[in-house]
Amino acid sequence: AREGLLAMNVRHLEQFQPVCPACRTEESASHVKVTGVDKEAGEHIIEGRLGCSNAACQHEYPIIDGIPILLPAVRDYVSDNLLSILGRTDLSGATESMIGDCCGPNSPFHHLRLHLSSYASSHYGTFDAEAGDAKEGDACGDHSTMAVLQASLDAAGTTTGPIIDVGCAVGGTTFALAEQTGDLVLGIDVHFSMLRVASQVLQDGVVQYPRRRGGIVYDRRSFDITCAGRERVDFWACDATALPFPRGAFSTAVGL
C-alpha cells in the first residue's frame, strides 16, 4: 500500500538517484534513501527523512512540507531559514496583514512577502482572474518569467529526457517544462518559502501567496490552476553549486 501512496516521490528518487551532498566526492558517491515517513498524503511524502547509505557518514536530511532538504550544511541551512520553515500557512490574510503592520517595512517578514509577491505574480499571474490579464489554459502567458522560458525553449529546440530547473523559485517554470516537454522535471532552489508555494501547487493545484498592493499592504491571493503533467514534477531544496546527483542524471538544465 505504501508503494502506491509514495509512487511519485519514489519515481523521482529512482530516476535521479540522489547522492549524499555531505560526503560525495568526484571518486565516490553514497546514495540517500527514505529512512522514515511521518506524514503522507496521496502520492506525496509530506514529512519524513532521507539518510545517507554510507555507514561512516549517516547524515540525515529532513523532508518538510513535501520538500526534501538535500544540502551539504543542512544544520546551518535549517538554522538560518527558521522563519521560512516554521512559518504559519493557516493564518487569514487579515491576521497576516496585522503581523506585517507590527513588523514594519524593514523586517524579514516584509522582505519574505515581497519576494513571494514578485515571483508568484510573475510565474502564475496569468492564472489569476483578478490580475486583469489571465488567459485560460495558457501555461506561459505573457508574464516576464514565462516569456523568457518560452523564448529559451524556442531557441534550444527539441529536448528529450529528464530536466532540472535550477533556481525554480515558486515553480511555474517547472510545471511549464513538464507540460511542454512531457519529461520528468525536478525544480530545485534554496528559498524554502518559495518552494513551499510550488509544493502546494504540486499537491493541491492551488496557488496561494501575498500579492503586494503597495508599501507593506498585501492581499492574500488564492486560486486553482490546472497543470498538465503535474505528476512528472517534484521540488527539492538543493544548492546549485553542490548538486546531489551523479553525472548524467539530466538531459537538460534550465536556469532562469
Protein backbone atom coordinates (compact mmCIF):
# COMPACT_ATOMS: atom_id res chain seq x y z
CA ALA A 1 0.00 0.00 0.00
CA ARG A 2 2.75 2.42 0.85
CA GLU A 3 4.46 1.88 -2.51
CA GLY A 4 1.29 3.10 -4.22
CA LEU A 5 0.91 6.09 -1.94
CA LEU A 6 4.51 7.22 -2.46
CA ALA A 7 4.74 6.37 -6.15
CA MET A 8 5.53 9.88 -7.35
CA ASN A 9 8.31 10.54 -4.87
CA VAL A 10 9.82 7.10 -5.39
CA ARG A 11 9.76 7.68 -9.14
CA HIS A 12 11.89 10.81 -8.78
CA LEU A 13 14.23 9.20 -6.25
CA GLU A 14 14.74 6.18 -8.51
CA GLN A 15 15.21 8.30 -11.62
CA PHE A 16 17.66 10.84 -10.22
CA GLN A 17 19.48 8.60 -7.70
CA PRO A 18 20.44 11.47 -5.35
CA VAL A 19 23.74 11.14 -3.53
CA CYS A 20 24.73 12.47 -0.14
CA PRO A 21 25.85 16.10 -0.59
CA ALA A 22 27.89 15.91 2.63
CA CYS A 23 30.21 13.01 1.79
CA ARG A 24 30.21 12.90 -2.01
CA THR A 25 33.47 13.31 -3.92
CA GLU A 26 34.44 13.01 -7.55
CA GLU A 27 35.64 9.45 -6.87
CA SER A 28 32.76 8.13 -4.78
CA ALA A 29 29.14 8.90 -4.01
CA SER A 30 26.84 7.34 -1.44
CA HIS A 31 23.15 7.34 -2.31
CA VAL A 32 20.47 8.61 0.02
CA LYS A 33 17.25 6.74 0.66
CA VAL A 34 13.99 7.23 2.54
CA THR A 35 14.59 6.23 6.16
CA GLY A 36 11.32 7.38 7.68
CA VAL A 37 7.85 8.66 6.74
CA ASP A 38 5.87 10.56 9.38
CA LYS A 39 3.15 12.09 7.23
CA GLU A 40 1.88 11.32 3.76
CA ALA A 41 -0.98 12.49 1.58
CA GLY A 42 -1.97 10.68 -1.56
CA GLU A 43 1.23 10.14 -3.52
CA HIS A 44 3.35 12.64 -1.59
CA ILE A 45 5.69 12.27 1.36
CA ILE A 46 4.78 15.37 3.38
CA GLU A 47 7.12 14.82 6.30
CA GLY A 48 9.94 12.34 6.76
CA ARG A 49 13.65 11.74 6.46
CA LEU A 50 16.29 10.78 3.94
CA GLY A 51 19.53 9.16 5.09
CA CYS A 52 23.00 8.58 3.65
CA SER A 53 23.73 4.92 2.93
CA ASN A 54 27.40 5.36 3.89
CA ALA A 55 27.85 3.87 7.37
CA ALA A 56 30.75 6.27 8.00
CA CYS A 57 28.60 9.31 7.19
CA GLN A 58 24.99 8.69 8.25
CA HIS A 59 23.90 12.26 7.52
CA GLU A 60 20.13 12.75 7.71
CA TYR A 61 18.08 15.15 5.59
CA PRO A 62 14.54 16.25 6.52
CA ILE A 63 11.50 16.24 4.25
CA ILE A 64 9.30 19.16 5.33
CA ASP A 65 6.01 20.13 3.65
CA GLY A 66 6.83 17.69 0.86
CA ILE A 67 10.25 19.26 0.23
CA PRO A 68 13.44 17.22 0.74
CA ILE A 69 16.30 19.41 2.02
CA LEU A 70 19.44 17.98 0.41
CA LEU A 71 22.21 20.46 1.19
CA PRO A 72 25.75 19.78 2.49
CA ALA A 73 25.43 22.01 5.57
CA VAL A 74 21.85 21.01 6.35
CA ARG A 75 22.08 22.09 10.02
CA ASP A 76 23.22 25.60 9.08
CA TYR A 77 20.50 25.83 6.43
CA VAL A 78 17.70 24.88 8.81
CA SER A 79 19.03 27.24 11.48
CA ASP A 80 19.31 30.15 9.01
CA ASN A 81 15.85 29.55 7.50
CA LEU A 82 13.69 29.03 10.56
CA LEU A 83 11.34 31.90 9.63
CA SER A 84 10.52 30.23 6.32
CA ILE A 85 10.47 26.64 7.55
CA LEU A 86 8.36 27.25 10.66
CA GLY A 87 6.22 29.99 9.11
CA ARG A 88 2.45 29.54 9.54
CA THR A 89 0.38 28.87 6.44
CA ASP A 90 -3.01 28.67 8.15
CA LEU A 91 -3.43 32.32 9.15
CA SER A 92 -6.00 34.53 7.47
CA GLY A 93 -4.96 37.36 5.19
CA ALA A 94 -6.24 39.86 7.77
CA THR A 95 -4.06 38.37 10.51
CA GLU A 96 -1.03 38.30 8.25
CA SER A 97 -1.68 41.96 7.45
CA MET A 98 -1.72 42.84 11.15
CA ILE A 99 1.55 40.96 11.65
CA GLY A 100 3.05 42.89 8.75
CA ASP A 101 1.94 46.18 10.29
CA CYS A 102 3.55 45.20 13.60
CA CYS A 103 6.82 44.13 11.96
CA GLY A 104 7.15 47.17 9.69
CA PRO A 105 8.84 47.72 6.32
CA ASN A 106 12.39 46.69 7.30
CA SER A 107 11.52 43.32 8.81
CA PRO A 108 12.48 39.87 7.46
CA PHE A 109 8.73 39.14 7.34
CA HIS A 110 8.11 42.01 4.91
CA HIS A 111 11.06 41.05 2.71
CA LEU A 112 9.88 37.45 2.60
CA ARG A 113 6.40 38.52 1.47
CA LEU A 114 7.89 40.99 -1.02
CA HIS A 115 9.88 38.24 -2.74
CA LEU A 116 6.91 35.87 -2.77
CA SER A 117 4.72 38.57 -4.31
CA SER A 118 7.21 39.33 -7.07
CA TYR A 119 7.97 35.75 -8.06
CA ALA A 120 4.48 34.30 -7.70
CA SER A 121 2.95 37.15 -9.74
CA SER A 122 5.50 36.55 -12.49
CA HIS A 123 5.04 32.78 -12.53
CA TYR A 124 1.29 32.48 -12.02
CA GLY A 125 -0.23 35.90 -12.71
CA THR A 126 -1.84 34.78 -15.95
CA PHE A 127 -3.96 32.28 -14.00
CA ASP A 128 -5.26 34.91 -11.57
CA ALA A 129 -8.66 36.21 -12.66
CA GLU A 130 -8.19 39.33 -10.53
CA ALA A 131 -4.89 40.18 -12.22
CA GLY A 132 -6.76 41.50 -15.23
CA ASP A 133 -4.81 39.65 -17.89
CA ALA A 134 -5.44 35.97 -17.13
CA LYS A 135 -5.61 33.67 -20.13
CA GLU A 136 -7.48 30.45 -19.50
CA GLY A 137 -5.40 27.37 -20.21
CA ASP A 138 -2.28 29.38 -21.11
CA ALA A 139 0.60 27.96 -19.08
CA CYS A 140 3.14 30.53 -20.25
CA GLY A 141 1.07 33.65 -20.81
CA ASP A 142 2.91 36.94 -21.20
CA HIS A 143 4.43 37.48 -17.75
CA SER A 144 8.17 38.08 -17.78
CA THR A 145 9.46 34.78 -16.41
CA MET A 146 7.27 32.64 -18.63
CA ALA A 147 8.05 34.75 -21.69
CA VAL A 148 11.78 34.24 -21.10
CA LEU A 149 11.27 30.50 -20.61
CA GLN A 150 9.29 30.20 -23.84
CA ALA A 151 11.93 32.14 -25.79
CA SER A 152 14.64 29.88 -24.34
CA LEU A 153 12.77 26.70 -25.28
CA ASP A 154 12.18 28.02 -28.80
CA ALA A 155 15.89 28.77 -29.17
CA ALA A 156 17.04 25.44 -27.71
CA GLY A 157 14.84 23.29 -29.91
CA THR A 158 13.59 19.83 -29.03
CA THR A 159 15.00 18.14 -25.94
CA THR A 160 14.26 14.69 -24.54
CA GLY A 161 14.95 13.18 -21.15
CA PRO A 162 14.85 14.36 -17.53
CA ILE A 163 15.15 18.10 -16.90
CA ILE A 164 16.46 20.05 -13.92
CA ASP A 165 15.07 23.55 -13.33
CA VAL A 166 17.83 25.32 -11.38
CA GLY A 167 16.57 28.21 -9.28
CA CYS A 168 12.93 27.26 -9.87
CA ALA A 169 11.60 29.71 -7.22
CA VAL A 170 7.81 29.18 -6.91
CA GLY A 171 7.75 26.51 -9.61
CA GLY A 172 5.82 28.00 -12.52
CA THR A 173 8.66 27.29 -14.95
CA THR A 174 8.95 23.72 -13.68
CA PHE A 175 5.29 22.97 -14.38
CA ALA A 176 5.54 24.63 -17.79
CA LEU A 177 8.56 22.48 -18.68
CA ALA A 178 6.69 19.29 -17.73
CA GLU A 179 3.65 20.37 -19.73
CA GLN A 180 5.56 21.30 -22.86
CA THR A 181 8.17 18.52 -22.95
CA GLY A 182 6.35 15.54 -21.42
CA ASP A 183 9.53 14.67 -19.50
CA LEU A 184 10.26 14.23 -15.80
CA VAL A 185 11.23 17.61 -14.30
CA LEU A 186 12.85 18.46 -10.97
CA GLY A 187 12.78 22.03 -9.67
CA ILE A 188 15.48 23.00 -7.17
CA ASP A 189 16.03 26.14 -5.13
CA VAL A 190 17.38 27.20 -1.73
CA HIS A 191 14.47 29.54 -0.86
CA PHE A 192 12.20 27.38 1.26
CA SER A 193 9.26 29.81 1.32
CA MET A 194 9.16 29.79 -2.49
CA LEU A 195 9.47 26.02 -2.64
CA ARG A 196 6.52 25.79 -0.25
CA VAL A 197 4.36 27.76 -2.74
CA ALA A 198 5.46 25.38 -5.50
CA SER A 199 4.83 22.33 -3.32
CA GLN A 200 1.27 23.46 -2.58
CA VAL A 201 0.57 23.80 -6.30
CA LEU A 202 2.03 20.32 -6.79
CA GLN A 203 -0.04 18.72 -4.04
CA ASP A 204 -3.32 20.65 -4.24
CA GLY A 205 -3.34 22.57 -7.53
CA VAL A 206 -3.73 25.81 -5.56
CA VAL A 207 -1.58 28.96 -5.81
CA GLN A 208 -1.54 30.93 -2.57
CA TYR A 209 0.69 33.91 -1.87
CA PRO A 210 0.67 37.52 -0.59
CA ARG A 211 0.37 39.95 -3.53
CA ARG A 212 1.75 43.38 -2.76
CA ARG A 213 -0.68 46.27 -3.22
CA GLY A 214 1.82 48.93 -2.13
CA GLY A 215 4.11 49.71 0.78
CA ILE A 216 3.57 47.00 3.38
CA VAL A 217 -0.02 46.33 2.27
CA TYR A 218 -0.64 42.89 0.77
CA ASP A 219 -3.69 40.99 -0.46
CA ARG A 220 -3.91 37.24 0.04
CA ARG A 221 -4.30 35.61 -3.35
CA SER A 222 -5.53 32.04 -3.62
CA PHE A 223 -6.76 30.39 -6.81
CA ASP A 224 -6.84 27.00 -8.51
CA ILE A 225 -4.78 26.19 -11.58
CA THR A 226 -4.57 23.18 -13.86
CA CYS A 227 -1.10 21.97 -14.78
CA ALA A 228 -0.87 19.18 -17.31
CA GLY A 229 1.97 16.86 -16.35
CA ARG A 230 1.91 17.75 -12.66
CA GLU A 231 2.61 14.09 -11.85
CA ARG A 232 6.02 14.45 -13.56
CA VAL A 233 7.17 17.29 -11.26
CA ASP A 234 8.86 17.44 -7.88
CA PHE A 235 10.61 20.15 -5.85
CA TRP A 236 13.74 19.76 -3.72
CA ALA A 237 15.85 22.19 -1.70
CA CYS A 238 19.30 21.85 -3.26
CA ASP A 239 22.35 24.05 -3.78
CA ALA A 240 23.21 24.57 -7.45
CA THR A 241 26.92 24.64 -6.52
CA ALA A 242 26.69 21.29 -4.68
CA LEU A 243 24.16 19.25 -6.63
CA PRO A 244 23.38 15.87 -5.01
CA PHE A 245 23.23 13.92 -8.28
CA PRO A 246 25.54 11.60 -10.17
CA ARG A 247 26.85 12.64 -13.56
CA GLY A 248 24.42 12.25 -16.43
CA ALA A 249 21.28 12.36 -14.28
CA PHE A 250 19.68 15.01 -16.52
CA SER A 251 19.48 15.62 -20.24
CA THR A 252 18.74 19.33 -19.96
CA ALA A 253 19.34 22.09 -17.42
CA VAL A 254 17.26 25.24 -17.30
CA GLY A 255 18.45 28.22 -15.24
CA LEU A 256 16.50 31.49 -15.31
